[in-house]
Amino acid sequence: MINRNEANERAPVLLWAALRVLTFITMILAYVYETGGWADKSLKILLTEPWFSYDTYYYFRIVAAGYQVGELTSIYHPLYPWLSTLVAAVVQSPIAGLVIVSSLAGLGLTIVFYRFARLDVDHTSAWTATALLLCWPASVAIFLPYTEALFLFLTVSCLLAARKRQFLLAGSLGALAALTRQQGVLIALPLLWELWEASEHKLQRFLLNWRTWVVGALPPAGFAFWILYRAIAISDVNPNFSSPQRFIYSVLVSPHAFRISSELEFLPPWVAVWRAFSAYSSGRIHWSAYGDAFLAAVFLSMLVLGWRYLRTSYKLYCLAVVLIAISFHTGVSANPYHALPRHLTLAFPVFLGMAQAYRFTRLWFILGVLLLCQMLVLCCYVWQTWVP
């Protein structure tokens, strides 16, 4: 017999499975359209070639040959490609290893996010929040050979463990998240707040609790391990203290990041936003920049609408993710905010807040519109006309 909780969890999993199949089909059709038809395309080509766009190239290189001295791959955190390397050794295909790990992480994310939402809301709101997360246009990255699925699986699991007062597990998951993306270090903020809540807001109890220091240090420790690995294994850390920008890119990111664009900068958010507005008003940037700005504006509007329904720890995490995302300025020659909607989507509690703030009477219509947008973004990924 299937109990009620298992039956409720089945709906999000079925949605994820349907989207997993739909993304495969859409990518193949987009690839066939772009390359002029079905002629001379084997099944292997159709299942592998559509994936090779943007960051996937670099993850493929890491899985196929490991991190190499002087290569651009050093800007990509290691957990996702390392796990994919293990799977690729079994299936004898780097791209298949990447897709399998991303797919399994996406399935895990769907399950844990629903359970995470159920801590605070009923089944209907939890289902709505999960569906919005999966169907959001920028969430297409969950179905690509990108880090998003693994990162979100780890961060949602981290907060779920923290809510259950399993703090050492939560801290360990936070460390793994920091080994997946730079933003993983931000999970220390909600972890520390949940520890503060567990100490009943008593400062002495909070400060004298060894878990406070150990758990709070684990996500930064994960990030520090990656920096140390880069320094020792691939000689990629060359501290430059001439300016904050040079220090960030010479130590925290990678000095090779400027090979992507010489215009990359971390700026105060108000400065980055002002420069972006100036670029948009000039009319000389790529059309996709306006799509990024629109999706970012909708996402930030959802954050505002759902803000009062979020726990303080979730607010801290969302605010940190948003500030980091809008502070990352990618120049004015093409797009001042490359992939901004995808970076903002890491603030996953937004979907939980939105599900509580608004009761969707036509949810399937909304999901359908979001899915059309998501499939459009996916096609643009295959055609390399929009960085998702």
Protein backbone atom coordinates (compact mmCIF):
# COMPACT_ATOMS: atom_id res chain seq x y z
CA MET A 1 0.00 0.00 0.00
CA ILE A 2 1.21 3.53 -0.82
CA ASN A 3 0.72 5.95 2.04
CA ARG A 4 -0.53 9.48 1.55
CA ASN A 5 2.92 11.12 1.83
CA GLU A 6 4.33 8.83 -0.86
CA ALA A 7 1.37 9.60 -3.11
CA ASN A 8 1.87 13.34 -2.61
CA GLU A 9 5.57 13.06 -3.46
CA ARG A 10 4.78 11.19 -6.65
CA ALA A 11 3.32 14.26 -8.41
CA PRO A 12 6.55 16.35 -8.29
CA VAL A 13 8.60 13.33 -9.37
CA LEU A 14 6.29 12.68 -12.32
CA LEU A 15 6.57 16.34 -13.33
CA TRP A 16 10.36 16.14 -13.19
CA ALA A 17 10.34 12.94 -15.27
CA ALA A 18 8.06 14.54 -17.88
CA LEU A 19 10.34 17.58 -18.09
CA ARG A 20 13.42 15.36 -18.35
CA VAL A 21 11.89 13.61 -21.38
CA LEU A 22 10.62 16.89 -22.85
CA THR A 23 14.04 18.54 -22.63
CA PHE A 24 15.65 15.58 -24.42
CA ILE A 25 13.13 15.80 -27.24
CA THR A 26 13.33 19.60 -27.51
CA MET A 27 17.13 19.57 -27.65
CA ILE A 28 17.20 16.94 -30.37
CA LEU A 29 14.62 18.82 -32.47
CA ALA A 30 16.46 22.13 -31.97
CA TYR A 31 19.75 20.49 -33.00
CA VAL A 32 18.22 18.89 -36.08
CA TYR A 33 16.65 22.22 -37.08
CA GLU A 34 19.94 24.07 -36.61
CA THR A 35 22.01 21.53 -38.55
CA GLY A 36 19.71 21.16 -41.51
CA GLY A 37 17.79 17.92 -41.03
CA TRP A 38 18.07 14.29 -40.01
CA ALA A 39 20.44 13.17 -42.73
CA ASP A 40 23.74 11.56 -41.61
CA LYS A 41 22.83 11.83 -37.92
CA SER A 42 23.24 8.64 -35.95
CA LEU A 43 21.43 7.99 -32.68
CA LYS A 44 24.70 8.60 -30.82
CA ILE A 45 25.09 12.02 -32.43
CA LEU A 46 21.50 12.97 -31.63
CA LEU A 47 21.93 11.97 -27.98
CA THR A 48 25.28 13.70 -27.42
CA GLU A 49 25.92 16.64 -29.75
CA PRO A 50 23.00 18.89 -28.66
CA TRP A 51 24.53 19.21 -25.18
CA PHE A 52 27.76 20.87 -26.31
CA SER A 53 27.20 24.57 -25.64
CA TYR A 54 28.75 27.11 -23.28
CA ASP A 55 29.90 25.74 -19.91
CA THR A 56 29.29 22.13 -20.96
CA TYR A 57 32.47 22.28 -23.07
CA TYR A 58 34.56 22.96 -19.98
CA TYR A 59 32.92 20.34 -17.78
CA PHE A 60 33.48 17.86 -20.60
CA ARG A 61 37.18 18.74 -20.72
CA ILE A 62 37.53 18.27 -16.96
CA VAL A 63 35.85 14.87 -17.09
CA ALA A 64 37.83 13.79 -20.14
CA ALA A 65 41.29 15.07 -19.11
CA GLY A 66 41.10 16.50 -15.60
CA TYR A 67 42.14 19.98 -14.54
CA GLN A 68 45.16 21.20 -16.50
CA VAL A 69 47.62 23.98 -15.70
CA GLY A 70 46.80 27.19 -17.54
CA GLU A 71 43.35 26.13 -18.76
CA LEU A 72 40.09 28.00 -18.33
CA THR A 73 38.59 24.97 -16.59
CA SER A 74 40.15 26.19 -13.33
CA ILE A 75 37.24 28.59 -12.78
CA TYR A 76 34.80 25.66 -12.40
CA HIS A 77 34.38 24.10 -8.96
CA PRO A 78 35.20 20.39 -8.85
CA LEU A 79 32.47 18.32 -7.20
CA TYR A 80 30.17 18.07 -10.22
CA PRO A 81 32.88 17.11 -12.75
CA TRP A 82 34.57 14.77 -10.24
CA LEU A 83 31.32 12.87 -9.64
CA SER A 84 30.70 12.83 -13.38
CA THR A 85 34.19 11.41 -13.95
CA LEU A 86 33.33 8.43 -11.74
CA VAL A 87 30.12 7.78 -13.67
CA ALA A 88 31.86 8.34 -17.01
CA ALA A 89 34.38 5.65 -16.12
CA VAL A 90 31.48 3.20 -15.90
CA VAL A 91 29.48 4.30 -18.95
CA GLN A 92 32.58 5.11 -21.04
CA SER A 93 31.32 8.55 -22.06
CA PRO A 94 32.19 11.92 -20.46
CA ILE A 95 29.05 13.64 -21.71
CA ALA A 96 26.86 10.75 -20.54
CA GLY A 97 28.52 10.94 -17.12
CA LEU A 98 27.71 14.65 -16.90
CA VAL A 99 24.09 14.16 -17.97
CA ILE A 100 23.52 11.22 -15.61
CA VAL A 101 24.88 13.04 -12.55
CA SER A 102 22.88 16.17 -13.37
CA SER A 103 19.73 14.10 -13.93
CA LEU A 104 20.08 12.15 -10.68
CA ALA A 105 20.75 15.38 -8.79
CA GLY A 106 17.67 16.95 -10.41
CA LEU A 107 15.54 14.04 -9.30
CA GLY A 108 16.96 14.27 -5.78
CA LEU A 109 16.35 18.02 -5.77
CA THR A 110 12.69 17.51 -6.70
CA ILE A 111 12.17 15.12 -3.79
CA VAL A 112 14.03 17.09 -1.12
CA PHE A 113 12.58 20.45 -2.19
CA TYR A 114 9.05 19.10 -1.81
CA ARG A 115 9.94 17.75 1.65
CA PHE A 116 11.63 21.04 2.48
CA ALA A 117 8.49 22.96 1.53
CA ARG A 118 6.27 20.59 3.54
CA LEU A 119 8.02 21.72 6.72
CA ASP A 120 6.06 24.97 6.52
CA VAL A 121 3.09 24.50 4.17
CA ASP A 122 0.44 21.99 3.14
CA HIS A 123 0.67 19.64 0.17
CA THR A 124 -0.98 22.08 -2.26
CA SER A 125 1.47 24.91 -1.57
CA ALA A 126 4.44 22.51 -1.49
CA TRP A 127 3.41 21.09 -4.86
CA THR A 128 2.97 24.61 -6.28
CA ALA A 129 6.39 25.71 -5.05
CA THR A 130 8.07 22.60 -6.50
CA ALA A 131 6.29 22.97 -9.83
CA LEU A 132 7.26 26.64 -10.07
CA LEU A 133 10.88 25.77 -9.36
CA LEU A 134 10.98 23.06 -12.03
CA CYS A 135 9.12 25.06 -14.68
CA TRP A 136 10.76 28.44 -14.14
CA PRO A 137 12.54 29.38 -17.45
CA ALA A 138 16.00 29.76 -15.89
CA SER A 139 15.57 26.37 -14.19
CA VAL A 140 16.34 24.83 -17.57
CA ALA A 141 19.88 24.66 -16.16
CA ILE A 142 18.67 21.88 -13.84
CA PHE A 143 18.23 19.70 -16.94
CA LEU A 144 21.57 20.62 -18.55
CA PRO A 145 25.09 19.33 -17.82
CA TYR A 146 25.54 22.26 -15.43
CA THR A 147 26.13 22.49 -11.68
CA GLU A 148 22.68 23.87 -10.83
CA ALA A 149 20.94 20.55 -10.15
CA LEU A 150 23.70 19.28 -7.85
CA PHE A 151 24.14 22.63 -6.13
CA LEU A 152 20.44 23.07 -5.44
CA PHE A 153 20.11 19.47 -4.28
CA LEU A 154 22.92 20.05 -1.75
CA THR A 155 21.73 23.47 -0.54
CA VAL A 156 18.09 22.41 -0.15
CA SER A 157 19.24 19.26 1.68
CA CYS A 158 21.47 21.45 3.84
CA LEU A 159 18.61 23.69 4.97
CA LEU A 160 16.31 20.70 5.38
CA ALA A 161 18.87 19.09 7.72
CA ALA A 162 19.31 22.37 9.61
CA ARG A 163 15.56 22.68 10.12
CA LYS A 164 15.61 19.17 11.60
CA ARG A 165 18.47 20.22 13.92
CA GLN A 166 20.91 17.86 12.18
CA PHE A 167 23.55 20.56 12.15
CA LEU A 168 26.69 18.52 11.47
CA LEU A 169 25.00 16.93 8.47
CA ALA A 170 23.85 20.37 7.35
CA GLY A 171 27.35 21.80 7.65
CA SER A 172 28.83 18.89 5.69
CA LEU A 173 26.28 19.39 2.91
CA GLY A 174 27.15 23.10 2.93
CA ALA A 175 30.83 22.23 2.43
CA LEU A 176 29.91 20.05 -0.55
CA ALA A 177 27.79 22.89 -1.96
CA ALA A 178 30.83 25.19 -1.74
CA LEU A 179 32.79 22.58 -3.70
CA THR A 180 30.09 22.78 -6.37
CA ARG A 181 29.73 26.57 -6.80
CA GLN A 182 31.14 29.71 -5.20
CA GLN A 183 27.71 30.59 -3.85
CA GLY A 184 27.87 27.54 -1.62
CA VAL A 185 29.78 29.53 0.97
CA LEU A 186 26.66 31.68 1.46
CA ILE A 187 24.80 28.77 3.04
CA ALA A 188 26.78 29.49 6.23
CA LEU A 189 24.46 32.47 6.86
CA PRO A 190 21.17 30.54 7.21
CA LEU A 191 23.00 27.75 9.06
CA LEU A 192 24.26 30.18 11.68
CA TRP A 193 20.78 31.70 12.00
CA GLU A 194 19.20 28.27 12.52
CA LEU A 195 21.83 27.62 15.22
CA TRP A 196 20.88 30.97 16.78
CA GLU A 197 17.24 29.88 16.76
CA ALA A 198 18.22 26.55 18.33
CA SER A 199 20.05 28.42 21.10
CA GLU A 200 16.78 30.28 21.85
CA HIS A 201 18.40 33.63 21.00
CA LYS A 202 20.76 33.39 23.98
CA LEU A 203 24.11 34.83 22.98
CA GLN A 204 26.23 32.96 25.49
CA ARG A 205 24.69 29.62 24.60
CA PHE A 206 25.16 30.40 20.92
CA LEU A 207 28.81 31.43 21.22
CA LEU A 208 29.84 28.65 23.60
CA ASN A 209 28.24 25.92 21.49
CA TRP A 210 31.01 24.13 19.57
CA ARG A 211 28.54 23.35 16.79
CA THR A 212 28.26 27.08 16.05
CA TRP A 213 31.92 27.28 15.14
CA VAL A 214 32.27 23.91 13.43
CA VAL A 215 29.07 24.08 11.40
CA GLY A 216 29.58 27.74 10.48
CA ALA A 217 33.12 26.99 9.32
CA LEU A 218 32.33 23.97 7.15
CA PRO A 219 31.02 25.80 4.02
CA PRO A 220 33.99 28.25 3.98
CA ALA A 221 36.26 25.23 4.56
CA GLY A 222 34.87 23.60 1.42
CA PHE A 223 35.66 26.74 -0.55
CA ALA A 224 39.13 26.94 1.03
CA PHE A 225 39.84 23.34 0.05
CA TRP A 226 39.12 24.20 -3.58
CA ILE A 227 41.44 27.22 -3.45
CA LEU A 228 44.17 25.07 -1.89
CA TYR A 229 43.69 22.39 -4.56
CA ARG A 230 43.99 25.00 -7.31
CA ALA A 231 47.13 26.38 -5.74
CA ILE A 232 48.88 23.01 -5.32
CA ALA A 233 47.60 20.85 -8.16
CA ILE A 234 47.27 23.30 -11.06
CA SER A 235 49.23 26.40 -9.91
CA ASP A 236 46.19 28.58 -10.43
CA VAL A 237 46.39 30.82 -7.35
CA ASN A 238 48.61 33.86 -7.81
CA PRO A 239 47.56 36.44 -5.20
CA ASN A 240 47.38 39.97 -6.56
CA PHE A 241 46.69 42.61 -3.91
CA SER A 242 46.81 45.63 -6.23
CA SER A 243 43.02 45.99 -6.12
CA PRO A 244 39.99 44.17 -4.71
CA GLN A 245 39.08 43.03 -8.24
CA ARG A 246 42.51 41.51 -8.83
CA PHE A 247 42.45 39.75 -5.47
CA ILE A 248 39.01 38.25 -6.12
CA TYR A 249 39.99 36.90 -9.51
CA SER A 250 43.55 35.87 -8.63
CA VAL A 251 42.52 33.92 -5.51
CA LEU A 252 38.78 33.36 -5.06
CA VAL A 253 37.82 32.74 -8.70
CA SER A 254 40.72 32.26 -11.13
CA PRO A 255 43.08 34.59 -12.97
CA HIS A 256 42.00 32.83 -16.17
CA ALA A 257 38.42 34.11 -15.81
CA PHE A 258 39.35 37.22 -17.82
CA ARG A 259 39.86 34.99 -20.84
CA ILE A 260 36.06 34.75 -21.00
CA SER A 261 35.72 38.51 -20.96
CA SER A 262 38.10 41.31 -20.00
CA GLU A 263 35.10 43.26 -18.68
CA LEU A 264 34.24 40.95 -15.75
CA GLU A 265 33.95 42.80 -12.45
CA PHE A 266 32.53 42.42 -8.96
CA LEU A 267 31.09 45.83 -8.11
CA PRO A 268 28.93 47.34 -5.38
CA PRO A 269 25.41 46.31 -6.42
CA TRP A 270 24.19 49.87 -6.94
CA VAL A 271 27.16 50.57 -9.25
CA ALA A 272 26.60 47.36 -11.22
CA VAL A 273 22.88 48.08 -11.62
CA TRP A 274 23.54 51.66 -12.75
CA ARG A 275 26.04 50.47 -15.37
CA ALA A 276 23.54 47.87 -16.54
CA PHE A 277 20.80 50.48 -16.96
CA SER A 278 23.21 52.61 -18.97
CA ALA A 279 24.03 49.65 -21.20
CA TYR A 280 20.35 48.78 -21.73
CA SER A 281 19.48 52.34 -22.64
CA SER A 282 22.30 52.51 -25.20
CA GLY A 283 20.54 49.94 -27.39
CA ARG A 284 23.88 48.44 -28.51
CA ILE A 285 23.81 45.23 -26.49
CA HIS A 286 22.69 41.74 -27.54
CA TRP A 287 18.94 41.10 -27.61
CA SER A 288 19.28 38.35 -25.02
CA ALA A 289 20.29 40.98 -22.45
CA TYR A 290 16.72 42.24 -22.41
CA GLY A 291 15.40 38.73 -21.89
CA ASP A 292 17.77 38.30 -18.94
CA ALA A 293 16.63 41.62 -17.49
CA PHE A 294 12.94 40.68 -17.84
CA LEU A 295 13.34 37.28 -16.15
CA ALA A 296 15.46 38.85 -13.40
CA ALA A 297 12.80 41.51 -12.79
CA VAL A 298 10.05 38.87 -12.54
CA PHE A 299 12.14 36.78 -10.13
CA LEU A 300 12.91 39.79 -7.91
CA SER A 301 9.21 40.67 -7.94
CA MET A 302 8.42 37.16 -6.70
CA LEU A 303 10.97 37.62 -3.92
CA VAL A 304 9.29 40.86 -2.84
CA LEU A 305 5.79 39.32 -2.94
CA GLY A 306 6.80 36.27 -0.93
CA TRP A 307 9.25 38.00 1.42
CA ARG A 308 7.01 38.15 4.48
CA TYR A 309 6.27 34.42 4.28
CA LEU A 310 9.91 33.36 4.46
CA ARG A 311 11.82 32.36 7.58
CA THR A 312 14.59 34.74 8.58
CA SER A 313 17.25 32.18 7.65
CA TYR A 314 15.76 31.89 4.16
CA LYS A 315 15.67 35.68 3.82
CA LEU A 316 19.36 35.91 4.71
CA TYR A 317 20.27 33.32 2.10
CA CYS A 318 18.09 34.86 -0.64
CA LEU A 319 19.39 38.34 0.03
CA ALA A 320 23.01 37.16 -0.09
CA VAL A 321 22.46 35.29 -3.37
CA VAL A 322 20.70 38.26 -4.98
CA LEU A 323 23.35 40.77 -3.92
CA ILE A 324 26.16 38.56 -5.24
CA ALA A 325 24.29 37.97 -8.50
CA ILE A 326 23.60 41.63 -9.25
CA SER A 327 27.12 42.63 -8.20
CA PHE A 328 28.66 40.42 -10.90
CA HIS A 329 28.94 42.74 -13.89
CA THR A 330 29.86 41.14 -17.21
CA GLY A 331 30.50 44.27 -19.27
CA VAL A 332 28.62 46.59 -21.59
CA SER A 333 29.68 45.32 -25.02
CA ALA A 334 27.16 42.45 -25.22
CA ASN A 335 25.27 41.82 -21.98
CA PRO A 336 25.91 43.46 -18.61
CA TYR A 337 24.34 40.52 -16.77
CA HIS A 338 25.11 37.25 -18.56
CA ALA A 339 23.06 34.39 -17.07
CA LEU A 340 21.64 36.61 -14.31
CA PRO A 341 18.28 34.72 -14.11
CA ARG A 342 20.16 31.44 -13.64
CA HIS A 343 22.29 32.91 -10.87
CA LEU A 344 19.23 34.34 -9.14
CA THR A 345 17.41 31.00 -9.29
CA LEU A 346 19.88 29.68 -6.71
CA ALA A 347 17.75 31.65 -4.22
CA PHE A 348 15.27 28.77 -4.24
CA PRO A 349 13.18 29.80 -1.18
CA VAL A 350 11.65 32.45 -3.45
CA PHE A 351 9.39 29.78 -4.95
CA LEU A 352 8.21 28.71 -1.51
CA GLY A 353 7.38 32.30 -0.60
CA MET A 354 5.53 32.82 -3.88
CA ALA A 355 3.45 29.66 -3.36
CA GLN A 356 2.32 31.04 0.00
CA ALA A 357 1.76 34.61 -1.16
CA TYR A 358 -0.50 33.75 -4.07
CA ARG A 359 -3.05 31.00 -4.57
CA PHE A 360 -2.89 30.08 -8.24
CA THR A 361 -6.39 29.31 -9.52
CA ARG A 362 -5.04 28.48 -13.00
CA LEU A 363 -1.75 26.87 -12.02
CA TRP A 364 -1.49 24.60 -15.06
CA PHE A 365 -1.92 27.56 -17.40
CA ILE A 366 0.88 29.41 -15.58
CA LEU A 367 3.10 26.33 -15.69
CA GLY A 368 2.38 25.93 -19.39
CA VAL A 369 3.48 29.50 -20.13
CA LEU A 370 6.62 29.04 -18.04
CA LEU A 371 7.39 25.78 -19.84
CA LEU A 372 7.08 27.42 -23.26
CA CYS A 373 9.59 30.03 -22.13
CA GLN A 374 11.84 27.34 -20.68
CA MET A 375 11.85 25.37 -23.93
CA LEU A 376 12.64 28.57 -25.86
CA VAL A 377 15.64 29.16 -23.60
CA LEU A 378 16.67 25.53 -24.14
CA CYS A 379 16.54 25.97 -27.92
CA CYS A 380 18.65 29.10 -27.62
CA TYR A 381 21.15 27.10 -25.58
CA VAL A 382 21.44 24.53 -28.37
CA TRP A 383 21.70 27.29 -31.00
CA GLN A 384 24.17 29.22 -28.80
CA THR A 385 22.20 32.44 -29.11
CA TRP A 386 21.42 32.95 -25.41
CA VAL A 387 23.50 32.02 -22.37
CA PRO A 388 21.00 30.35 -20.02
